[in-house]
Amino acid sequence: MKIATSFLAALLFMGALGALNNAMAADGVLFKQEATPGSYCHLKFPAIRQSTLDNDQPVLKDSSTGDVIDFYGSCDEDPLGKDQVHEQKLEAQHRWAHDYED
């Protein structure tokens, strides 16, 4: 009986942990730490899929790929906003120039 109770408790804990993780990552932000409340933050969020950078609705990469943006700045930064799209397009151009242009 103790084993069944322990198993049930572990199952409930894992379910709650998964639900909490999904709720925290709903806006795409994996980590948020406010240095100055309401103005300055350290954020981590997945990069935008390069194939969707030119679309009207860019899509974030899966966070398990390891492509994570480490952002310091405004607390209201949008991982899919115009600023991030522009910065990531610029980074892709620089990477292409470095890798393929002579």
C-alpha atoms as a PDB file:
ATOM      1  CA  MET A   1       0.000   0.000   0.000  1.00  0.00           C
ATOM      2  CA  LYS A   2       2.884   2.371   0.761  1.00  0.00           C
ATOM      3  CA  ILE A   3       4.305   1.803  -2.725  1.00  0.00           C
ATOM      4  CA  ALA A   4       0.985   2.656  -4.376  1.00  0.00           C
ATOM      5  CA  THR A   5       0.653   5.827  -2.273  1.00  0.00           C
ATOM      6  CA  SER A   6       4.221   6.883  -3.081  1.00  0.00           C
ATOM      7  CA  PHE A   7       3.660   6.198  -6.770  1.00  0.00           C
ATOM      8  CA  LEU A   8       0.454   8.265  -6.782  1.00  0.00           C
ATOM      9  CA  ALA A   9       2.158  11.146  -4.961  1.00  0.00           C
ATOM     10  CA  ALA A  10       5.054  11.094  -7.456  1.00  0.00           C
ATOM     11  CA  LEU A  11       2.628  11.027 -10.382  1.00  0.00           C
ATOM     12  CA  LEU A  12       0.692  14.024  -9.019  1.00  0.00           C
ATOM     13  CA  PHE A  13       3.924  15.916  -8.370  1.00  0.00           C
ATOM     14  CA  MET A  14       5.154  15.321 -11.931  1.00  0.00           C
ATOM     15  CA  GLY A  15       1.820  16.451 -13.355  1.00  0.00           C
ATOM     16  CA  ALA A  16       1.832  19.622 -11.278  1.00  0.00           C
ATOM     17  CA  LEU A  17       5.442  20.330 -12.253  1.00  0.00           C
ATOM     18  CA  GLY A  18       4.612  19.908 -15.953  1.00  0.00           C
ATOM     19  CA  ALA A  19       1.593  22.195 -15.679  1.00  0.00           C
ATOM     20  CA  LEU A  20       3.663  24.826 -13.866  1.00  0.00           C
ATOM     21  CA  ASN A  21       6.406  24.632 -16.501  1.00  0.00           C
ATOM     22  CA  ASN A  22       3.874  25.080 -19.329  1.00  0.00           C
ATOM     23  CA  ALA A  23       2.238  28.015 -17.560  1.00  0.00           C
ATOM     24  CA  MET A  24       5.559  29.781 -17.030  1.00  0.00           C
ATOM     25  CA  ALA A  25       6.650  29.294 -20.650  1.00  0.00           C
ATOM     26  CA  ALA A  26       3.323  30.310 -22.211  1.00  0.00           C
ATOM     27  CA  ASP A  27       4.748  33.653 -23.400  1.00  0.00           C
ATOM     28  CA  GLY A  28       7.984  32.021 -24.542  1.00  0.00           C
ATOM     29  CA  VAL A  29      10.097  33.330 -21.650  1.00  0.00           C
ATOM     30  CA  LEU A  30      12.144  30.574 -20.012  1.00  0.00           C
ATOM     31  CA  PHE A  31      13.707  32.737 -17.299  1.00  0.00           C
ATOM     32  CA  LYS A  32      12.889  36.197 -15.952  1.00  0.00           C
ATOM     33  CA  GLN A  33      14.737  38.020 -13.201  1.00  0.00           C
ATOM     34  CA  GLU A  34      13.897  41.636 -12.432  1.00  0.00           C
ATOM     35  CA  ALA A  35      16.966  43.676 -11.436  1.00  0.00           C
ATOM     36  CA  THR A  36      14.962  46.874 -11.057  1.00  0.00           C
ATOM     37  CA  PRO A  37      11.241  46.162 -10.599  1.00  0.00           C
ATOM     38  CA  GLY A  38       9.243  47.220 -13.645  1.00  0.00           C
ATOM     39  CA  SER A  39      12.138  48.452 -15.761  1.00  0.00           C
ATOM     40  CA  TYR A  40      15.273  46.284 -16.111  1.00  0.00           C
ATOM     41  CA  CYS A  41      15.303  42.499 -16.465  1.00  0.00           C
ATOM     42  CA  HIS A  42      17.426  39.494 -17.349  1.00  0.00           C
ATOM     43  CA  LEU A  43      15.383  37.268 -19.680  1.00  0.00           C
ATOM     44  CA  LYS A  44      16.093  33.986 -21.432  1.00  0.00           C
ATOM     45  CA  PHE A  45      13.900  32.776 -24.275  1.00  0.00           C
ATOM     46  CA  PRO A  46      14.257  30.510 -27.335  1.00  0.00           C
ATOM     47  CA  ALA A  47      15.497  31.980 -30.604  1.00  0.00           C
ATOM     48  CA  ILE A  48      13.108  32.426 -33.516  1.00  0.00           C
ATOM     49  CA  ARG A  49      13.159  29.733 -36.193  1.00  0.00           C
ATOM     50  CA  GLN A  50      15.231  31.164 -39.028  1.00  0.00           C
ATOM     51  CA  SER A  51      12.730  29.931 -41.626  1.00  0.00           C
ATOM     52  CA  THR A  52      10.006  32.084 -40.018  1.00  0.00           C
ATOM     53  CA  LEU A  53      11.987  35.318 -39.575  1.00  0.00           C
ATOM     54  CA  ASP A  54      10.463  36.799 -42.745  1.00  0.00           C
ATOM     55  CA  ASN A  55       6.898  35.673 -41.968  1.00  0.00           C
ATOM     56  CA  ASP A  56       4.194  37.858 -40.461  1.00  0.00           C
ATOM     57  CA  GLN A  57       3.964  35.398 -37.571  1.00  0.00           C
ATOM     58  CA  PRO A  58       7.440  34.206 -36.515  1.00  0.00           C
ATOM     59  CA  VAL A  59       7.678  31.018 -34.432  1.00  0.00           C
ATOM     60  CA  LEU A  60      10.042  30.283 -31.556  1.00  0.00           C
ATOM     61  CA  LYS A  61      12.349  27.281 -31.716  1.00  0.00           C
ATOM     62  CA  ASP A  62      11.866  24.432 -29.280  1.00  0.00           C
ATOM     63  CA  SER A  63      13.849  25.308 -26.138  1.00  0.00           C
ATOM     64  CA  SER A  64      15.466  21.863 -26.177  1.00  0.00           C
ATOM     65  CA  THR A  65      17.544  22.846 -29.252  1.00  0.00           C
ATOM     66  CA  GLY A  66      19.806  24.973 -27.064  1.00  0.00           C
ATOM     67  CA  ASP A  67      19.319  28.155 -29.134  1.00  0.00           C
ATOM     68  CA  VAL A  68      18.462  30.482 -26.268  1.00  0.00           C
ATOM     69  CA  ILE A  69      18.628  34.287 -26.299  1.00  0.00           C
ATOM     70  CA  ASP A  70      20.175  35.756 -23.148  1.00  0.00           C
ATOM     71  CA  PHE A  71      18.609  39.243 -23.001  1.00  0.00           C
ATOM     72  CA  TYR A  72      19.307  42.140 -20.641  1.00  0.00           C
ATOM     73  CA  GLY A  73      16.963  45.109 -20.934  1.00  0.00           C
ATOM     74  CA  SER A  74      13.332  46.097 -20.725  1.00  0.00           C
ATOM     75  CA  CYS A  75      11.074  43.767 -18.738  1.00  0.00           C
ATOM     76  CA  ASP A  76       8.368  44.003 -21.409  1.00  0.00           C
ATOM     77  CA  GLU A  77      10.558  42.572 -24.219  1.00  0.00           C
ATOM     78  CA  ASP A  78       8.556  40.315 -26.534  1.00  0.00           C
ATOM     79  CA  PRO A  79      10.443  37.215 -27.794  1.00  0.00           C
ATOM     80  CA  LEU A  80       8.480  37.505 -31.070  1.00  0.00           C
ATOM     81  CA  GLY A  81       8.462  41.317 -31.268  1.00  0.00           C
ATOM     82  CA  LYS A  82       9.852  43.516 -34.038  1.00  0.00           C
ATOM     83  CA  ASP A  83      13.073  44.201 -32.126  1.00  0.00           C
ATOM     84  CA  GLN A  84      13.896  40.518 -31.688  1.00  0.00           C
ATOM     85  CA  VAL A  85      13.025  39.708 -35.311  1.00  0.00           C
ATOM     86  CA  HIS A  86      15.312  42.527 -36.497  1.00  0.00           C
ATOM     87  CA  GLU A  87      18.194  41.517 -34.193  1.00  0.00           C
ATOM     88  CA  GLN A  88      17.973  37.855 -35.137  1.00  0.00           C
ATOM     89  CA  LYS A  89      17.814  38.668 -38.873  1.00  0.00           C
ATOM     90  CA  LEU A  90      20.919  40.810 -38.438  1.00  0.00           C
ATOM     91  CA  GLU A  91      22.678  38.004 -36.554  1.00  0.00           C
ATOM     92  CA  ALA A  92      21.773  35.527 -39.323  1.00  0.00           C
ATOM     93  CA  GLN A  93      23.214  37.909 -41.952  1.00  0.00           C
ATOM     94  CA  HIS A  94      26.428  38.305 -39.964  1.00  0.00           C
ATOM     95  CA  ARG A  95      26.719  34.549 -39.524  1.00  0.00           C
ATOM     96  CA  TRP A  96      26.179  33.977 -43.263  1.00  0.00           C
ATOM     97  CA  ALA A  97      28.779  36.644 -44.147  1.00  0.00           C
ATOM     98  CA  HIS A  98      31.296  35.129 -41.757  1.00  0.00           C
ATOM     99  CA  ASP A  99      30.741  31.542 -42.908  1.00  0.00           C
ATOM    100  CA  TYR A 100      30.309  31.935 -46.666  1.00  0.00           C
ATOM    101  CA  GLU A 101      31.632  35.271 -47.924  1.00  0.00           C
ATOM    102  CA  ASP A 102      35.310  35.678 -48.563  1.00  0.00           C
END
